Protein backbone atom coordinates (compact mmCIF):
# COMPACT_ATOMS: atom_id res chain seq x y z
CA MET A 1 54.25 -9.38 55.90
CA PRO A 2 57.48 -10.68 54.24
CA ASN A 3 60.07 -12.52 56.27
CA LYS A 4 63.41 -10.93 56.96
CA SER A 5 65.45 -13.13 54.61
CA PRO A 6 63.19 -12.70 51.53
CA PHE A 7 63.01 -8.98 52.27
CA LEU A 8 66.82 -8.60 52.27
CA TYR A 9 67.10 -10.82 49.20
CA PHE A 10 64.54 -8.76 47.28
CA LEU A 11 66.22 -5.53 48.43
CA THR A 12 69.60 -6.74 47.13
CA LEU A 13 68.03 -7.93 43.90
CA LEU A 14 66.31 -4.58 43.42
CA LEU A 15 69.58 -2.68 43.89
CA PHE A 16 71.47 -4.74 41.32
CA LYS A 17 68.61 -4.93 38.84
CA GLN A 18 68.35 -1.13 38.64
CA LYS A 19 72.08 -0.46 39.07
CA ILE A 20 72.36 1.78 36.00
CA LYS A 21 69.68 4.11 37.36
CA HIS A 22 71.21 4.04 40.83
CA ILE A 23 74.74 4.72 39.56
CA GLY A 24 73.55 7.76 37.62
CA VAL A 25 71.77 9.19 40.66
CA MET A 26 74.79 8.48 42.88
CA LEU A 27 77.26 10.15 40.52
CA ILE A 28 75.27 13.39 40.51
CA SER A 29 74.88 13.22 44.29
CA ILE A 30 78.60 12.59 44.81
CA VAL A 31 79.56 15.59 42.67
CA ILE A 32 77.23 17.91 44.59
CA ILE A 33 78.30 16.62 48.01
CA THR A 34 82.01 16.69 47.13
CA LEU A 35 81.79 20.32 46.02
CA ILE A 36 79.95 21.67 49.05
CA SER A 37 81.98 19.52 51.48
CA SER A 38 85.20 20.85 49.94
CA VAL A 39 84.00 24.42 50.47
CA LEU A 40 83.06 23.67 54.08
CA PHE A 41 86.42 21.96 54.74
CA ILE A 42 88.38 24.89 53.28
CA SER A 43 86.34 27.48 55.17
CA SER A 44 86.63 25.57 58.49
CA SER A 45 90.37 25.04 58.07
CA LEU A 46 91.08 28.67 57.24
CA GLN A 47 88.91 29.95 60.08
CA HIS A 48 90.61 27.55 62.52
CA THR A 49 94.08 28.70 61.49
CA LEU A 50 93.15 32.37 61.56
CA GLN A 51 91.45 31.95 64.93
CA GLU A 52 94.65 30.51 66.39
CA THR A 53 96.57 33.47 64.98
CA ILE A 54 94.08 36.03 66.27
CA ASP A 55 94.12 34.43 69.72
CA ALA A 56 97.89 34.98 69.83
CA GLN A 57 97.58 38.64 68.83
CA ALA A 58 97.38 41.61 71.19
CA ASP A 59 93.98 42.74 72.44
CA PHE A 60 94.25 46.26 70.97
CA THR A 61 96.04 48.06 68.18
CA VAL A 62 96.43 51.84 68.23
CA LYS A 63 97.30 53.86 65.15
CA ARG A 64 97.19 57.47 64.05
CA VAL A 65 94.70 58.52 61.36
CA GLU A 66 94.52 61.75 59.37
CA ALA A 67 91.59 62.44 57.03
CA GLY A 68 90.61 58.79 57.32
CA ARG A 69 94.03 57.61 56.16
CA PRO A 70 96.51 55.80 58.46
CA VAL A 71 99.79 57.70 58.98
CA THR A 72 102.84 57.12 61.12
CA THR A 73 102.24 56.86 64.85
CA PRO A 74 104.37 58.84 67.34
CA LEU A 75 106.56 56.61 69.49
CA SER A 76 105.78 58.94 72.42
CA TRP A 77 102.31 57.39 72.60
CA VAL A 78 103.90 54.28 74.10
CA ASP A 79 104.66 56.03 77.40
CA GLN A 80 101.18 57.53 77.53
CA ILE A 81 99.54 54.16 76.96
CA ILE A 82 101.71 52.49 79.61
CA ASP A 83 100.43 55.03 82.17
CA ILE A 84 96.82 53.84 81.66
CA GLU A 85 95.80 51.52 84.49
CA GLY A 86 95.10 47.93 83.43
CA VAL A 87 97.26 48.02 80.28
CA SER A 88 100.13 45.58 79.77
CA ASP A 89 102.54 44.34 77.06
CA VAL A 90 102.72 47.64 75.17
CA THR A 91 104.68 47.08 71.94
CA PRO A 92 105.46 49.50 69.07
CA ARG A 93 105.37 47.92 65.61
CA VAL A 94 106.79 48.74 62.20
CA HIS A 95 105.18 46.86 59.31
CA GLY A 96 103.61 47.45 55.93
CA ARG A 97 103.50 46.59 52.24
CA TYR A 98 106.58 46.98 50.08
CA PHE A 99 105.68 47.05 46.39
CA TYR A 100 108.00 45.66 43.76
CA ALA A 101 107.22 48.10 40.96
CA PRO A 102 108.45 46.15 37.88
CA ARG A 103 106.05 43.27 38.56
CA GLU A 104 103.40 45.01 40.68
CA GLU A 105 103.90 42.41 43.39
CA SER A 106 104.18 43.20 47.08
CA PHE A 107 105.80 41.84 50.24
CA TRP A 108 104.52 42.21 53.78
CA ILE A 109 107.47 43.52 55.84
CA VAL A 110 107.36 43.02 59.60
CA GLY A 111 109.99 44.70 61.75
CA ILE A 112 110.73 43.01 65.08
CA ASP A 113 113.19 43.40 67.92
CA PHE A 114 114.54 40.80 70.31
CA PHE A 115 112.28 41.77 73.21
CA ASP A 116 109.14 41.66 71.05
CA VAL A 117 109.93 38.09 70.08
CA GLN A 118 110.36 37.05 73.71
CA GLY A 119 106.99 38.52 74.67
CA SER A 120 104.82 37.73 71.65
CA LYS A 121 103.34 34.27 71.11
CA ALA A 122 102.65 35.02 67.45
CA LEU A 123 106.27 36.01 66.77
CA GLN A 124 107.59 33.03 68.71
CA ARG A 125 105.60 30.75 66.43
CA LEU A 126 107.04 32.38 63.30
CA VAL A 127 110.70 32.34 64.35
CA LYS A 128 110.66 29.04 66.21
CA GLY A 129 113.99 27.22 65.83
CA ILE A 130 115.86 30.26 64.48
CA ASP A 131 119.02 31.60 66.14
CA LEU A 132 117.78 35.10 66.98
CA LYS A 133 121.10 36.42 68.29
CA GLN A 134 122.80 35.69 65.00
CA PHE A 135 119.81 37.03 63.07
CA PHE A 136 119.81 40.39 64.87
CA SER A 137 123.59 40.72 64.55
CA SER A 138 123.34 41.55 60.83
CA GLU A 139 120.99 43.21 58.35
CA SER A 140 119.17 40.05 57.34
CA MET A 141 115.63 38.91 56.66
CA ILE A 142 113.49 35.82 57.14
CA VAL A 143 111.07 35.26 54.27
CA GLY A 144 108.04 33.12 53.47
CA GLU A 145 108.08 30.47 50.78
CA GLY A 146 106.19 32.71 48.34
CA VAL A 147 108.79 35.47 48.72
CA LYS A 148 111.63 32.96 48.34
CA ALA A 149 110.15 31.59 45.12
CA PHE A 150 109.60 35.12 43.78
CA LEU A 151 113.18 36.20 44.56
CA LYS A 152 114.58 33.04 42.98
CA THR A 153 112.54 33.64 39.82
CA HIS A 154 114.04 37.14 39.57
CA TYR A 155 117.60 35.91 40.27
CA TYR A 156 117.83 37.18 43.84
CA THR A 157 119.30 34.11 45.50
CA ASP A 158 121.16 35.38 48.57
CA SER A 159 119.90 38.95 49.05
CA PHE A 160 117.50 41.61 47.83
CA SER A 161 117.92 45.37 47.38
CA PHE A 162 115.03 47.43 48.77
CA LYS A 163 114.48 50.94 47.49
CA THR A 164 113.82 53.44 50.27
CA PRO A 165 111.57 56.53 49.86
CA GLN A 166 114.76 58.60 49.54
CA GLY A 167 115.70 56.63 46.41
CA VAL A 168 118.56 54.77 48.13
CA PHE A 169 118.91 51.01 47.68
CA LYS A 170 119.31 48.93 50.84
CA LYS A 171 120.76 45.45 50.38
CA VAL A 172 119.43 42.87 52.83
CA LYS A 173 120.72 39.30 53.08
CA LEU A 174 118.44 36.29 53.05
CA TYR A 175 118.85 34.55 56.41
CA GLU A 176 116.13 31.86 56.57
CA VAL A 177 112.93 30.66 54.91
CA LEU A 178 109.80 30.09 56.98
CA PRO A 179 108.32 26.54 56.87
CA GLY A 180 105.54 25.73 54.43
CA SER A 181 103.11 25.05 57.28
CA LEU A 182 102.99 28.84 57.84
CA ASN A 183 102.20 29.70 54.21
CA LEU A 184 98.66 30.72 54.99
CA LEU A 185 99.93 33.56 57.19
CA ALA A 186 103.52 34.14 56.11
CA ASN A 187 103.69 33.27 52.40
CA ASP A 188 104.43 36.87 51.35
CA MET A 189 105.97 37.95 54.66
CA ILE A 190 109.46 39.32 55.27
CA ILE A 191 110.68 39.50 58.87
CA MET A 192 113.61 41.79 59.65
CA PRO A 193 115.00 43.87 62.56
CA ILE A 194 112.72 46.78 63.40
CA ASP A 195 115.37 49.45 62.75
CA LEU A 196 116.00 48.03 59.29
CA ALA A 197 112.27 48.01 58.52
CA ARG A 198 112.01 51.61 59.75
CA GLU A 199 114.80 52.60 57.34
CA ILE A 200 113.18 50.85 54.36
CA PHE A 201 109.84 52.57 55.00
CA GLY A 202 111.53 55.92 55.60
CA LEU A 203 110.37 56.36 59.19
CA ASP A 204 112.15 58.47 61.76
CA GLU A 205 113.42 56.99 65.01
CA ASP A 206 110.44 58.43 66.89
CA GLU A 207 107.86 56.99 64.46
CA VAL A 208 106.21 53.57 64.23
CA THR A 209 103.37 52.06 62.23
CA ASP A 210 101.16 51.27 65.21
CA ILE A 211 101.23 50.23 68.87
CA THR A 212 99.73 47.06 70.36
CA PHE A 213 98.89 46.24 73.97
CA ASN A 214 96.83 43.87 76.13
CA VAL A 215 94.16 44.46 78.73
CA PRO A 216 93.88 41.21 80.76
CA ASN A 217 90.61 42.22 82.42
CA GLU A 218 87.95 42.34 79.70
CA ALA A 219 85.64 44.31 82.01
CA GLU A 220 88.05 47.25 81.64
CA TRP A 221 88.14 47.25 77.85
CA ASP A 222 85.52 49.96 77.35
CA ASN A 223 87.11 52.11 80.04
CA VAL A 224 90.55 51.79 78.45
CA ILE A 225 89.17 52.68 75.02
CA SER A 226 87.59 55.83 76.46
CA LYS A 227 90.89 56.89 78.00
CA LEU A 228 92.74 56.24 74.74
CA HIS A 229 90.46 58.55 72.80
CA LEU A 230 91.32 61.33 75.27
CA LEU A 231 95.03 61.08 74.36
CA ALA A 232 94.68 62.51 70.84
CA TYR A 233 91.91 63.47 68.43
CA ASP A 234 93.46 61.48 65.57
CA ILE A 235 93.84 58.17 67.40
CA ARG A 236 92.26 54.98 66.04
CA VAL A 237 91.74 51.98 68.31
CA VAL A 238 91.16 48.52 66.79
CA GLU A 239 89.98 45.69 69.02
CA LYS A 240 90.97 42.10 68.42
CA ARG A 241 87.28 41.25 68.39
CA GLU A 242 86.77 43.54 65.38
CA VAL A 243 89.47 41.75 63.41
CA GLU A 244 88.06 38.36 64.38
CA LYS A 245 84.57 39.37 63.31
CA ALA A 246 85.82 40.77 59.99
CA TYR A 247 87.59 37.53 59.07
CA GLU A 248 84.61 35.47 60.21
CA ASN A 249 82.22 37.50 58.07
CA LEU A 250 84.57 37.25 55.09
CA TYR A 251 84.78 33.45 55.06
CA ASN A 252 81.14 33.01 56.03
CA TYR A 253 80.25 35.23 53.08
CA LYS A 254 82.33 33.23 50.62
CA GLY A 255 81.12 29.94 52.05
CA GLY A 256 77.54 31.24 51.99
CA ILE A 257 77.74 31.93 48.25
CA PHE A 258 78.63 28.29 47.62
CA LEU A 259 75.92 27.15 50.03
CA ILE A 260 73.30 29.10 48.08
CA LEU A 261 74.54 27.59 44.82
CA TYR A 262 74.51 24.16 46.47
CA ILE A 263 70.90 24.56 47.61
CA ILE A 264 69.86 25.66 44.12
CA ALA A 265 71.64 22.69 42.52
CA LEU A 266 70.24 20.30 45.14
CA LEU A 267 66.68 21.51 44.70
CA THR A 268 67.01 21.24 40.92
CA PHE A 269 68.36 17.71 41.28
CA MET A 270 65.57 16.70 43.68
CA LEU A 271 62.90 18.10 41.35
CA ILE A 272 64.33 16.05 38.50
CA LEU A 273 64.51 13.03 40.79
CA TYR A 274 60.92 13.53 41.94
CA GLN A 275 59.74 13.85 38.36
CA ARG A 276 61.68 10.69 37.50
CA TYR A 277 60.04 8.66 40.26
CA SER A 278 56.63 10.20 39.59
CA MET A 279 56.80 8.84 36.03
CA VAL A 280 57.37 5.31 37.30
CA TYR A 281 58.22 2.81 34.56
CA SER A 282 55.70 0.10 33.85
CA SER A 283 58.09 -2.58 35.11
CA GLU A 284 58.45 -0.82 38.46
CA ARG A 285 54.69 -0.35 38.71
CA LYS A 286 54.23 -4.04 38.07
CA GLU A 287 56.79 -4.90 40.73
CA ILE A 288 54.88 -2.89 43.31
CA GLY A 289 51.58 -4.38 42.11
CA ILE A 290 52.92 -7.95 42.34
CA LEU A 291 54.30 -7.35 45.83
CA ARG A 292 50.91 -5.98 46.91
CA ALA A 293 49.15 -8.99 45.32
CA VAL A 294 51.31 -11.54 47.17
CA GLY A 295 50.59 -9.97 50.54
CA TRP A 296 53.00 -7.05 51.00
CA SER A 297 51.40 -4.12 52.76
CA ILE A 298 51.83 -0.46 51.86
CA ARG A 299 54.12 -0.17 54.87
CA ASP A 300 56.29 -3.01 53.54
CA ILE A 301 56.55 -1.34 50.12
CA LEU A 302 57.59 1.96 51.68
CA LYS A 303 60.01 0.14 53.96
CA LEU A 304 61.62 -1.51 50.94
CA LYS A 305 61.97 1.82 49.13
CA PHE A 306 63.22 3.47 52.32
CA TYR A 307 66.10 1.02 52.76
CA GLU A 308 66.91 1.15 49.05
CA THR A 309 67.12 4.95 49.22
CA LEU A 310 69.00 4.86 52.54
CA ILE A 311 71.76 2.74 51.00
CA LEU A 312 72.08 5.14 48.07
CA VAL A 313 72.06 8.22 50.30
CA ILE A 314 74.63 6.96 52.82
CA THR A 315 76.93 5.56 50.12
CA SER A 316 76.82 8.77 48.08
CA PHE A 317 77.36 10.96 51.13
CA ILE A 318 80.31 8.96 52.46
CA ILE A 319 82.01 8.80 49.06
CA GLY A 320 81.43 12.54 48.50
CA VAL A 321 82.83 13.52 51.92
CA VAL A 322 85.87 11.23 51.54
CA LEU A 323 86.62 12.64 48.08
CA ALA A 324 86.30 16.17 49.47
CA TYR A 325 88.70 15.32 52.31
CA VAL A 326 91.27 13.95 49.86
CA TYR A 327 90.85 16.92 47.53
CA VAL A 328 91.21 19.54 50.28
CA PHE A 329 93.60 18.14 52.88
CA ILE A 330 95.75 15.83 50.75
CA LEU A 331 95.78 17.50 47.32
CA GLY A 332 95.58 21.03 48.78
CA ALA A 333 92.28 22.04 47.10
CA PRO A 334 93.78 23.29 43.79
CA ILE A 335 91.76 26.01 41.99
CA LEU A 336 89.04 26.16 44.66
CA ILE A 337 91.35 27.53 47.38
CA GLU A 338 92.19 30.52 45.17
CA ILE A 339 88.63 31.74 45.65
CA PHE A 340 89.28 32.02 49.39
CA LEU A 341 92.90 33.18 49.32
CA GLY A 342 92.81 35.26 46.15
CA GLY A 343 95.53 35.22 43.52
CA ALA A 344 96.38 38.91 43.17
CA ASN A 345 99.76 38.70 44.92
CA LEU A 346 102.38 35.95 45.25
CA VAL A 347 101.39 32.36 44.52
CA ASN A 348 100.44 30.72 47.79
CA HIS A 349 100.78 26.97 48.30
CA ALA A 350 99.03 27.03 51.65
CA VAL A 351 98.88 23.90 53.78
CA LEU A 352 95.34 23.38 55.06
CA VAL A 353 95.05 21.97 58.57
CA PRO A 354 92.48 19.14 58.70
CA VAL A 355 89.44 20.47 60.57
CA ILE A 356 86.12 18.61 60.44
CA GLU A 357 82.99 20.08 62.02
CA PHE A 358 80.66 17.12 62.41
CA GLY A 359 77.73 19.37 63.29
CA ILE A 360 77.93 21.05 59.89
CA LEU A 361 78.35 17.71 58.12
CA GLY A 362 75.29 16.40 59.96
CA SER A 363 73.26 19.38 58.83
CA LEU A 364 74.51 18.89 55.29
CA PHE A 365 73.46 15.23 55.42
CA LEU A 366 69.95 16.11 56.53
CA LEU A 367 69.69 18.85 53.91
CA TYR A 368 70.63 16.26 51.28
CA ALA A 369 68.84 13.17 52.63
CA VAL A 370 65.39 14.56 53.50
CA PRO A 371 64.55 15.87 49.98
CA PHE A 372 66.00 12.68 48.50
CA PHE A 373 63.71 10.48 50.61
CA ALA A 374 60.73 12.67 49.80
CA ALA A 375 61.45 12.48 46.06
CA VAL A 376 61.46 8.66 46.21
CA LEU A 377 58.91 7.69 48.84
CA ILE A 378 56.06 9.98 47.80
CA PRO A 379 55.76 8.58 44.23
CA SER A 380 56.19 5.02 45.56
CA TRP A 381 53.40 5.59 48.08
CA ARG A 382 51.12 6.91 45.33
CA ILE A 383 51.60 3.64 43.41
CA ALA A 384 51.30 1.41 46.48
CA VAL A 385 47.90 2.77 47.55
CA ILE A 386 46.15 1.91 44.27
CA PRO A 387 44.69 -1.58 43.73
CA PRO A 388 47.27 -4.22 42.60
CA LYS A 389 45.38 -5.00 39.35
CA GLU A 390 45.49 -1.37 38.28
CA ALA A 391 49.19 -1.09 39.17
CA MET A 392 50.05 -4.12 37.02
CA ARG A 393 48.44 -2.74 33.85
């Protein structure tokens, strides 16, 4: 049984003697870990931000549907919904996509009124620090950074002329730009007074896009939904839980694709690594044979290989995770984030909020470390169990 000091000395010597081999293995490991960690960081950050947004939204959204297609919702439904017991915070909304035909780009227009802002946490977050009285006193709009950049590129610096369904142009002044921290949600958003939004979309005064409301007691949700369906045959009720589940499935799906690719790449790498250690070089066989001849047991040999592999695994994993953190949360995950956000509309320079799920990282470490140890220790054990003379041939 070797003493502690010679054991550590031989371990250090072994690491430096085979540094070229170790560096090659570490580089491949770091690339794989950095890629999958970046995907996990992006997915966690986006889900965290969207979860905060969904939590601030109303519990239910009611809209009118004809032949499976959403149409304008009668404003009279508001009074009918208010009469349902257990319902609160009933709010009519006007919002939708406005397409800029020459470039096939679109803006998300959200019409608000002063009372909606006072009662909605989501709207309060968007217009925080803005003088609402002055904003509502004129036909103005608050835009996201993506909209601002688009308007500037097309020489609309102070205002923009919207074309209504009647073919009339409506000039709206640019009042304020939303902060970059809201780009994930509001990059292509335009906020304006609800009457102005109704005019741009060509809605009558008694029409809205949809109606939102809350039901504080979750035990009454099913009962409220049943009563809503009795109001009209063409009513469509969307729960907040449905929206949350849809977003969760979307990002889990995209993250799952990368996880499958990661597992395939990892297994391929481990097979190559196992084959590499199975075809042990004569010098390494002699090293194991000499150690066995001078009194090292099979357990000592495996212990030496275990600590050698442990250093490589931990070092590679830490470097890979740190690089992924820098790439995602400091550099903004260029290229890779487009897979999650999509690039069909305005360019989005979203700011990702640092979110680290240590449980997922722990699972990733085990998924990476266990095959790595197996690929190294099994071939080493096969050499250590044979007689020293045969190993030194």
